[in-house]
Amino acid sequence: MGLWDQIRDALSTVWADWQTPSEDERTRLINGLIEAYGAEQRVSTQIRQIIPVIPYEQFRRRLDMIARDDEQHATLVQERLRTLGGM
């Protein structure tokens, strides 16, 4: 086996390791995504609870947009979690 073959094999191994994280890293990733999902859900819920007491329509509309954005983020995180088998 020549030098270039050894380099190619080493790079292939590194690339494979990088693409498939170890179980410990995967667990940390899933836990982080679960926390992110919960945070997005909590923020969205809190905003939805505040909206009715805001006296100005333009601020209520803006808060509604923010809540929808947070809900979309939560949905994206949830999809990634399902892909990883975390939910």
PDB file of N, CA and C in Angstrom:
ATOM      1  N   MET A   1       0.852  -1.173   0.000  1.00  0.00           N
ATOM      2  CA  MET A   1       0.000   0.000   0.000  1.00  0.00           C
ATOM      3  C   MET A   1       0.894   1.231   0.000  1.00  0.00           C
ATOM      4  N   GLY A   2       0.644   2.106  -0.963  1.00  0.00           N
ATOM      5  CA  GLY A   2       1.447   3.311  -1.079  1.00  0.00           C
ATOM      6  C   GLY A   2       1.017   4.396  -0.105  1.00  0.00           C
ATOM      7  N   LEU A   3       1.806   5.440  -0.047  1.00  0.00           N
ATOM      8  CA  LEU A   3       1.559   6.563   0.856  1.00  0.00           C
ATOM      9  C   LEU A   3       0.200   7.212   0.565  1.00  0.00           C
ATOM     10  N   TRP A   4      -0.092   7.433  -0.713  1.00  0.00           N
ATOM     11  CA  TRP A   4      -1.361   8.086  -1.061  1.00  0.00           C
ATOM     12  C   TRP A   4      -2.555   7.221  -0.682  1.00  0.00           C
ATOM     13  N   ASP A   5      -2.396   5.921  -0.791  1.00  0.00           N
ATOM     14  CA  ASP A   5      -3.471   5.019  -0.367  1.00  0.00           C
ATOM     15  C   ASP A   5      -3.690   5.103   1.140  1.00  0.00           C
ATOM     16  N   GLN A   6      -2.606   5.204   1.886  1.00  0.00           N
ATOM     17  CA  GLN A   6      -2.710   5.326   3.346  1.00  0.00           C
ATOM     18  C   GLN A   6      -3.379   6.641   3.727  1.00  0.00           C
ATOM     19  N   ILE A   7      -2.998   7.716   3.037  1.00  0.00           N
ATOM     20  CA  ILE A   7      -3.607   9.028   3.307  1.00  0.00           C
ATOM     21  C   ILE A   7      -5.097   8.981   2.976  1.00  0.00           C
ATOM     22  N   ARG A   8      -5.435   8.408   1.820  1.00  0.00           N
ATOM     23  CA  ARG A   8      -6.835   8.307   1.422  1.00  0.00           C
ATOM     24  C   ARG A   8      -7.634   7.499   2.440  1.00  0.00           C
ATOM     25  N   ASP A   9      -7.080   6.374   2.891  1.00  0.00           N
ATOM     26  CA  ASP A   9      -7.767   5.544   3.873  1.00  0.00           C
ATOM     27  C   ASP A   9      -7.951   6.280   5.203  1.00  0.00           C
ATOM     28  N   ALA A  10      -6.919   6.992   5.611  1.00  0.00           N
ATOM     29  CA  ALA A  10      -7.007   7.759   6.861  1.00  0.00           C
ATOM     30  C   ALA A  10      -8.067   8.845   6.753  1.00  0.00           C
ATOM     31  N   LEU A  11      -8.089   9.553   5.632  1.00  0.00           N
ATOM     32  CA  LEU A  11      -9.095  10.593   5.428  1.00  0.00           C
ATOM     33  C   LEU A  11     -10.499  10.003   5.352  1.00  0.00           C
ATOM     34  N   SER A  12     -10.620   8.853   4.726  1.00  0.00           N
ATOM     35  CA  SER A  12     -11.924   8.187   4.654  1.00  0.00           C
ATOM     36  C   SER A  12     -12.423   7.821   6.045  1.00  0.00           C
ATOM     37  N   THR A  13     -11.530   7.347   6.882  1.00  0.00           N
ATOM     38  CA  THR A  13     -11.894   6.987   8.251  1.00  0.00           C
ATOM     39  C   THR A  13     -12.328   8.218   9.041  1.00  0.00           C
ATOM     40  N   VAL A  14     -11.557   9.289   8.925  1.00  0.00           N
ATOM     41  CA  VAL A  14     -11.893  10.540   9.621  1.00  0.00           C
ATOM     42  C   VAL A  14     -13.247  11.044   9.142  1.00  0.00           C
ATOM     43  N   TRP A  15     -13.460  11.037   7.834  1.00  0.00           N
ATOM     44  CA  TRP A  15     -14.725  11.512   7.262  1.00  0.00           C
ATOM     45  C   TRP A  15     -15.900  10.656   7.769  1.00  0.00           C
ATOM     46  N   ALA A  16     -15.725   9.351   7.798  1.00  0.00           N
ATOM     47  CA  ALA A  16     -16.784   8.461   8.285  1.00  0.00           C
ATOM     48  C   ALA A  16     -17.079   8.728   9.752  1.00  0.00           C
ATOM     49  N   ASP A  17     -16.036   8.924  10.558  1.00  0.00           N
ATOM     50  CA  ASP A  17     -16.225   9.224  11.980  1.00  0.00           C
ATOM     51  C   ASP A  17     -16.953  10.543  12.163  1.00  0.00           C
ATOM     52  N   TRP A  18     -16.633  11.503  11.331  1.00  0.00           N
ATOM     53  CA  TRP A  18     -17.262  12.823  11.431  1.00  0.00           C
ATOM     54  C   TRP A  18     -18.733  12.753  11.046  1.00  0.00           C
ATOM     55  N   GLN A  19     -19.065  11.946  10.061  1.00  0.00           N
ATOM     56  CA  GLN A  19     -20.445  11.845   9.605  1.00  0.00           C
ATOM     57  C   GLN A  19     -21.318  11.016  10.533  1.00  0.00           C
ATOM     58  N   THR A  20     -20.746  10.087  11.250  1.00  0.00           N
ATOM     59  CA  THR A  20     -21.506   9.261  12.184  1.00  0.00           C
ATOM     60  C   THR A  20     -20.932   9.479  13.580  1.00  0.00           C
ATOM     61  N   PRO A  21     -21.550  10.401  14.336  1.00  0.00           N
ATOM     62  CA  PRO A  21     -21.010  10.708  15.665  1.00  0.00           C
ATOM     63  C   PRO A  21     -21.103   9.499  16.593  1.00  0.00           C
ATOM     64  N   SER A  22     -20.248   9.487  17.579  1.00  0.00           N
ATOM     65  CA  SER A  22     -20.274   8.395  18.559  1.00  0.00           C
ATOM     66  C   SER A  22     -21.580   8.461  19.354  1.00  0.00           C
ATOM     67  N   GLU A  23     -21.877   7.403  20.056  1.00  0.00           N
ATOM     68  CA  GLU A  23     -23.127   7.331  20.823  1.00  0.00           C
ATOM     69  C   GLU A  23     -23.215   8.454  21.842  1.00  0.00           C
ATOM     70  N   ASP A  24     -22.083   8.772  22.484  1.00  0.00           N
ATOM     71  CA  ASP A  24     -22.070   9.842  23.481  1.00  0.00           C
ATOM     72  C   ASP A  24     -22.398  11.187  22.826  1.00  0.00           C
ATOM     73  N   GLU A  25     -21.798  11.464  21.685  1.00  0.00           N
ATOM     74  CA  GLU A  25     -22.077  12.713  20.976  1.00  0.00           C
ATOM     75  C   GLU A  25     -23.518  12.745  20.488  1.00  0.00           C
ATOM     76  N   ARG A  26     -24.006  11.613  20.015  1.00  0.00           N
ATOM     77  CA  ARG A  26     -25.379  11.520  19.533  1.00  0.00           C
ATOM     78  C   ARG A  26     -26.351  11.787  20.677  1.00  0.00           C
ATOM     79  N   THR A  27     -26.072  11.231  21.839  1.00  0.00           N
ATOM     80  CA  THR A  27     -26.921  11.447  23.005  1.00  0.00           C
ATOM     81  C   THR A  27     -26.935  12.916  23.400  1.00  0.00           C
ATOM     82  N   ARG A  28     -25.764  13.542  23.388  1.00  0.00           N
ATOM     83  CA  ARG A  28     -25.699  14.978  23.704  1.00  0.00           C
ATOM     84  C   ARG A  28     -26.468  15.800  22.684  1.00  0.00           C
ATOM     85  N   LEU A  29     -26.355  15.423  21.414  1.00  0.00           N
ATOM     86  CA  LEU A  29     -27.077  16.127  20.363  1.00  0.00           C
ATOM     87  C   LEU A  29     -28.580  16.000  20.569  1.00  0.00           C
ATOM     88  N   ILE A  30     -29.048  14.797  20.829  1.00  0.00           N
ATOM     89  CA  ILE A  30     -30.481  14.581  21.053  1.00  0.00           C
ATOM     90  C   ILE A  30     -30.955  15.349  22.282  1.00  0.00           C
ATOM     91  N   ASN A  31     -30.196  15.310  23.361  1.00  0.00           N
ATOM     92  CA  ASN A  31     -30.575  16.045  24.573  1.00  0.00           C
ATOM     93  C   ASN A  31     -30.619  17.548  24.317  1.00  0.00           C
ATOM     94  N   GLY A  32     -29.652  18.049  23.562  1.00  0.00           N
ATOM     95  CA  GLY A  32     -29.654  19.477  23.222  1.00  0.00           C
ATOM     96  C   GLY A  32     -30.852  19.857  22.377  1.00  0.00           C
ATOM     97  N   LEU A  33     -31.205  19.005  21.426  1.00  0.00           N
ATOM     98  CA  LEU A  33     -32.378  19.271  20.592  1.00  0.00           C
ATOM     99  C   LEU A  33     -33.668  19.200  21.398  1.00  0.00           C
ATOM    100  N   ILE A  34     -33.737  18.276  22.351  1.00  0.00           N
ATOM    101  CA  ILE A  34     -34.919  18.188  23.217  1.00  0.00           C
ATOM    102  C   ILE A  34     -35.058  19.472  24.030  1.00  0.00           C
ATOM    103  N   GLU A  35     -33.949  19.955  24.559  1.00  0.00           N
ATOM    104  CA  GLU A  35     -33.979  21.218  25.315  1.00  0.00           C
ATOM    105  C   GLU A  35     -34.397  22.379  24.425  1.00  0.00           C
ATOM    106  N   ALA A  36     -33.866  22.425  23.207  1.00  0.00           N
ATOM    107  CA  ALA A  36     -34.216  23.499  22.267  1.00  0.00           C
ATOM    108  C   ALA A  36     -35.695  23.437  21.914  1.00  0.00           C
ATOM    109  N   TYR A  37     -36.203  22.231  21.702  1.00  0.00           N
ATOM    110  CA  TYR A  37     -37.620  22.057  21.388  1.00  0.00           C
ATOM    111  C   TYR A  37     -38.485  22.578  22.538  1.00  0.00           C
ATOM    112  N   GLY A  38     -38.145  22.182  23.741  1.00  0.00           N
ATOM    113  CA  GLY A  38     -38.904  22.640  24.914  1.00  0.00           C
ATOM    114  C   GLY A  38     -38.860  24.146  25.078  1.00  0.00           C
ATOM    115  N   ALA A  39     -37.697  24.736  24.849  1.00  0.00           N
ATOM    116  CA  ALA A  39     -37.560  26.186  24.978  1.00  0.00           C
ATOM    117  C   ALA A  39     -38.415  26.908  23.942  1.00  0.00           C
ATOM    118  N   GLU A  40     -38.381  26.442  22.707  1.00  0.00           N
ATOM    119  CA  GLU A  40     -39.196  27.062  21.655  1.00  0.00           C
ATOM    120  C   GLU A  40     -40.681  26.959  21.994  1.00  0.00           C
ATOM    121  N   GLN A  41     -41.099  25.805  22.486  1.00  0.00           N
ATOM    122  CA  GLN A  41     -42.507  25.614  22.852  1.00  0.00           C
ATOM    123  C   GLN A  41     -42.905  26.540  24.003  1.00  0.00           C
ATOM    124  N   ARG A  42     -42.044  26.642  25.028  1.00  0.00           N
ATOM    125  CA  ARG A  42     -42.350  27.498  26.177  1.00  0.00           C
ATOM    126  C   ARG A  42     -42.462  28.962  25.770  1.00  0.00           C
ATOM    127  N   VAL A  43     -41.518  29.428  24.955  1.00  0.00           N
ATOM    128  CA  VAL A  43     -41.549  30.827  24.521  1.00  0.00           C
ATOM    129  C   VAL A  43     -42.812  31.110  23.724  1.00  0.00           C
ATOM    130  N   SER A  44     -43.139  30.221  22.807  1.00  0.00           N
ATOM    131  CA  SER A  44     -44.351  30.387  22.004  1.00  0.00           C
ATOM    132  C   SER A  44     -45.597  30.445  22.881  1.00  0.00           C
ATOM    133  N   THR A  45     -45.674  29.553  23.853  1.00  0.00           N
ATOM    134  CA  THR A  45     -46.824  29.520  24.765  1.00  0.00           C
ATOM    135  C   THR A  45     -46.908  30.808  25.574  1.00  0.00           C
ATOM    136  N   GLN A  46     -45.779  31.273  26.083  1.00  0.00           N
ATOM    137  CA  GLN A  46     -45.770  32.509  26.866  1.00  0.00           C
ATOM    138  C   GLN A  46     -46.219  33.698  26.024  1.00  0.00           C
ATOM    139  N   ILE A  47     -45.739  33.769  24.797  1.00  0.00           N
ATOM    140  CA  ILE A  47     -46.134  34.868  23.918  1.00  0.00           C
ATOM    141  C   ILE A  47     -47.633  34.800  23.642  1.00  0.00           C
ATOM    142  N   ARG A  48     -48.141  33.607  23.366  1.00  0.00           N
ATOM    143  CA  ARG A  48     -49.578  33.439  23.099  1.00  0.00           C
ATOM    144  C   ARG A  48     -50.419  33.875  24.305  1.00  0.00           C
ATOM    145  N   GLN A  49     -49.923  33.678  25.507  1.00  0.00           N
ATOM    146  CA  GLN A  49     -50.652  34.086  26.709  1.00  0.00           C
ATOM    147  C   GLN A  49     -50.634  35.601  26.892  1.00  0.00           C
ATOM    148  N   ILE A  50     -49.595  36.253  26.417  1.00  0.00           N
ATOM    149  CA  ILE A  50     -49.450  37.704  26.572  1.00  0.00           C
ATOM    150  C   ILE A  50     -50.268  38.482  25.538  1.00  0.00           C
ATOM    151  N   ILE A  51     -50.398  37.932  24.345  1.00  0.00           N
ATOM    152  CA  ILE A  51     -51.031  38.650  23.229  1.00  0.00           C
ATOM    153  C   ILE A  51     -52.381  39.276  23.596  1.00  0.00           C
ATOM    154  N   PRO A  52     -53.294  38.560  24.242  1.00  0.00           N
ATOM    155  CA  PRO A  52     -54.617  39.151  24.496  1.00  0.00           C
ATOM    156  C   PRO A  52     -54.622  40.415  25.363  1.00  0.00           C
ATOM    157  N   VAL A  53     -53.597  40.586  26.188  1.00  0.00           N
ATOM    158  CA  VAL A  53     -53.589  41.755  27.078  1.00  0.00           C
ATOM    159  C   VAL A  53     -52.849  42.951  26.492  1.00  0.00           C
ATOM    160  N   ILE A  54     -52.285  42.812  25.303  1.00  0.00           N
ATOM    161  CA  ILE A  54     -51.574  43.916  24.662  1.00  0.00           C
ATOM    162  C   ILE A  54     -52.609  44.859  24.038  1.00  0.00           C
ATOM    163  N   PRO A  55     -52.580  46.131  24.397  1.00  0.00           N
ATOM    164  CA  PRO A  55     -53.630  47.048  23.918  1.00  0.00           C
ATOM    165  C   PRO A  55     -53.501  47.483  22.446  1.00  0.00           C
ATOM    166  N   TYR A  56     -52.330  47.342  21.859  1.00  0.00           N
ATOM    167  CA  TYR A  56     -52.131  47.855  20.505  1.00  0.00           C
ATOM    168  C   TYR A  56     -52.110  46.720  19.484  1.00  0.00           C
ATOM    169  N   GLU A  57     -52.959  46.848  18.477  1.00  0.00           N
ATOM    170  CA  GLU A  57     -53.105  45.817  17.447  1.00  0.00           C
ATOM    171  C   GLU A  57     -51.792  45.497  16.746  1.00  0.00           C
ATOM    172  N   GLN A  58     -51.008  46.517  16.393  1.00  0.00           N
ATOM    173  CA  GLN A  58     -49.758  46.266  15.663  1.00  0.00           C
ATOM    174  C   GLN A  58     -48.773  45.445  16.494  1.00  0.00           C
ATOM    175  N   PHE A  59     -48.795  45.651  17.807  1.00  0.00           N
ATOM    176  CA  PHE A  59     -47.915  44.861  18.675  1.00  0.00           C
ATOM    177  C   PHE A  59     -48.441  43.431  18.819  1.00  0.00           C
ATOM    178  N   ARG A  60     -49.772  43.273  18.878  1.00  0.00           N
ATOM    179  CA  ARG A  60     -50.340  41.926  18.942  1.00  0.00           C
ATOM    180  C   ARG A  60     -50.002  41.146  17.672  1.00  0.00           C
ATOM    181  N   ARG A  61     -50.102  41.810  16.509  1.00  0.00           N
ATOM    182  CA  ARG A  61     -49.765  41.137  15.249  1.00  0.00           C
ATOM    183  C   ARG A  61     -48.300  40.728  15.231  1.00  0.00           C
ATOM    184  N   ARG A  62     -47.437  41.622  15.691  1.00  0.00           N
ATOM    185  CA  ARG A  62     -45.993  41.316  15.703  1.00  0.00           C
ATOM    186  C   ARG A  62     -45.696  40.151  16.647  1.00  0.00           C
ATOM    187  N   LEU A  63     -46.309  40.166  17.803  1.00  0.00           N
ATOM    188  CA  LEU A  63     -46.112  39.061  18.744  1.00  0.00           C
ATOM    189  C   LEU A  63     -46.639  37.752  18.173  1.00  0.00           C
ATOM    190  N   ASP A  64     -47.758  37.812  17.448  1.00  0.00           N
ATOM    191  CA  ASP A  64     -48.287  36.611  16.814  1.00  0.00           C
ATOM    192  C   ASP A  64     -47.292  36.065  15.799  1.00  0.00           C
ATOM    193  N   MET A  65     -46.661  36.946  15.041  1.00  0.00           N
ATOM    194  CA  MET A  65     -45.641  36.510  14.070  1.00  0.00           C
ATOM    195  C   MET A  65     -44.465  35.846  14.785  1.00  0.00           C
ATOM    196  N   ILE A  66     -44.043  36.426  15.878  1.00  0.00           N
ATOM    197  CA  ILE A  66     -42.925  35.867  16.648  1.00  0.00           C
ATOM    198  C   ILE A  66     -43.305  34.488  17.186  1.00  0.00           C
ATOM    199  N   ALA A  67     -44.533  34.365  17.711  1.00  0.00           N
ATOM    200  CA  ALA A  67     -44.988  33.071  18.236  1.00  0.00           C
ATOM    201  C   ALA A  67     -45.032  32.026  17.122  1.00  0.00           C
ATOM    202  N   ARG A  68     -45.510  32.415  15.939  1.00  0.00           N
ATOM    203  CA  ARG A  68     -45.540  31.474  14.817  1.00  0.00           C
ATOM    204  C   ARG A  68     -44.137  31.044  14.423  1.00  0.00           C
ATOM    205  N   ASP A  69     -43.194  31.998  14.420  1.00  0.00           N
ATOM    206  CA  ASP A  69     -41.801  31.654  14.109  1.00  0.00           C
ATOM    207  C   ASP A  69     -41.247  30.638  15.109  1.00  0.00           C
ATOM    208  N   ASP A  70     -41.531  30.867  16.380  1.00  0.00           N
ATOM    209  CA  ASP A  70     -41.071  29.924  17.410  1.00  0.00           C
ATOM    210  C   ASP A  70     -41.716  28.554  17.236  1.00  0.00           C
ATOM    211  N   GLU A  71     -42.981  28.535  16.870  1.00  0.00           N
ATOM    212  CA  GLU A  71     -43.662  27.261  16.629  1.00  0.00           C
ATOM    213  C   GLU A  71     -43.050  26.537  15.429  1.00  0.00           C
ATOM    214  N   GLN A  72     -42.705  27.286  14.385  1.00  0.00           N
ATOM    215  CA  GLN A  72     -42.051  26.680  13.226  1.00  0.00           C
ATOM    216  C   GLN A  72     -40.686  26.120  13.596  1.00  0.00           C
ATOM    217  N   HIS A  73     -39.938  26.868  14.405  1.00  0.00           N
ATOM    218  CA  HIS A  73     -38.627  26.384  14.861  1.00  0.00           C
ATOM    219  C   HIS A  73     -38.801  25.097  15.664  1.00  0.00           C
ATOM    220  N   ALA A  74     -39.798  25.081  16.538  1.00  0.00           N
ATOM    221  CA  ALA A  74     -40.041  23.892  17.343  1.00  0.00           C
ATOM    222  C   ALA A  74     -40.381  22.697  16.446  1.00  0.00           C
ATOM    223  N   THR A  75     -41.160  22.943  15.407  1.00  0.00           N
ATOM    224  CA  THR A  75     -41.514  21.869  14.476  1.00  0.00           C
ATOM    225  C   THR A  75     -40.277  21.343  13.762  1.00  0.00           C
ATOM    226  N   LEU A  76     -39.392  22.242  13.335  1.00  0.00           N
ATOM    227  CA  LEU A  76     -38.154  21.810  12.678  1.00  0.00           C
ATOM    228  C   LEU A  76     -37.284  20.983  13.615  1.00  0.00           C
ATOM    229  N   VAL A  77     -37.163  21.434  14.849  1.00  0.00           N
ATOM    230  CA  VAL A  77     -36.366  20.690  15.830  1.00  0.00           C
ATOM    231  C   VAL A  77     -37.000  19.319  16.076  1.00  0.00           C
ATOM    232  N   GLN A  78     -38.322  19.296  16.181  1.00  0.00           N
ATOM    233  CA  GLN A  78     -39.025  18.029  16.386  1.00  0.00           C
ATOM    234  C   GLN A  78     -38.792  17.068  15.218  1.00  0.00           C
ATOM    235  N   GLU A  79     -38.806  17.581  14.001  1.00  0.00           N
ATOM    236  CA  GLU A  79     -38.531  16.736  12.825  1.00  0.00           C
ATOM    237  C   GLU A  79     -37.123  16.156  12.887  1.00  0.00           C
ATOM    238  N   ARG A  80     -36.153  16.968  13.278  1.00  0.00           N
ATOM    239  CA  ARG A  80     -34.773  16.480  13.379  1.00  0.00           C
ATOM    240  C   ARG A  80     -34.662  15.424  14.463  1.00  0.00           C
ATOM    241  N   LEU A  81     -35.371  15.640  15.569  1.00  0.00           N
ATOM    242  CA  LEU A  81     -35.363  14.655  16.636  1.00  0.00           C
ATOM    243  C   LEU A  81     -35.942  13.324  16.165  1.00  0.00           C
ATOM    244  N   ARG A  82     -37.019  13.382  15.430  1.00  0.00           N
ATOM    245  CA  ARG A  82     -37.616  12.137  14.908  1.00  0.00           C
ATOM    246  C   ARG A  82     -36.635  11.441  13.974  1.00  0.00           C
ATOM    247  N   THR A  83     -35.922  12.231  13.154  1.00  0.00           N
ATOM    248  CA  THR A  83     -34.926  11.656  12.252  1.00  0.00           C
ATOM    249  C   THR A  83     -33.845  10.913  13.030  1.00  0.00           C
ATOM    250  N   LEU A  84     -33.469  11.480  14.171  1.00  0.00           N
ATOM    251  CA  LEU A  84     -32.432  10.864  15.007  1.00  0.00           C
ATOM    252  C   LEU A  84     -32.987   9.794  15.935  1.00  0.00           C
ATOM    253  N   GLY A  85     -34.304   9.642  15.958  1.00  0.00           N
ATOM    254  CA  GLY A  85     -34.918   8.652  16.838  1.00  0.00           C
ATOM    255  C   GLY A  85     -35.070   9.144  18.253  1.00  0.00           C
ATOM    256  N   GLY A  86     -35.106  10.462  18.428  1.00  0.00           N
ATOM    257  CA  GLY A  86     -35.163  11.024  19.784  1.00  0.00           C
ATOM    258  C   GLY A  86     -36.546  11.293  20.321  1.00  0.00           C
ATOM    259  N   MET A  87     -37.587  11.170  19.481  1.00  0.00           N
ATOM    260  CA  MET A  87     -38.951  11.418  19.974  1.00  0.00           C
ATOM    261  C   MET A  87     -39.851  10.280  19.563  1.00  0.00           C
TER     262      MET A  87
END
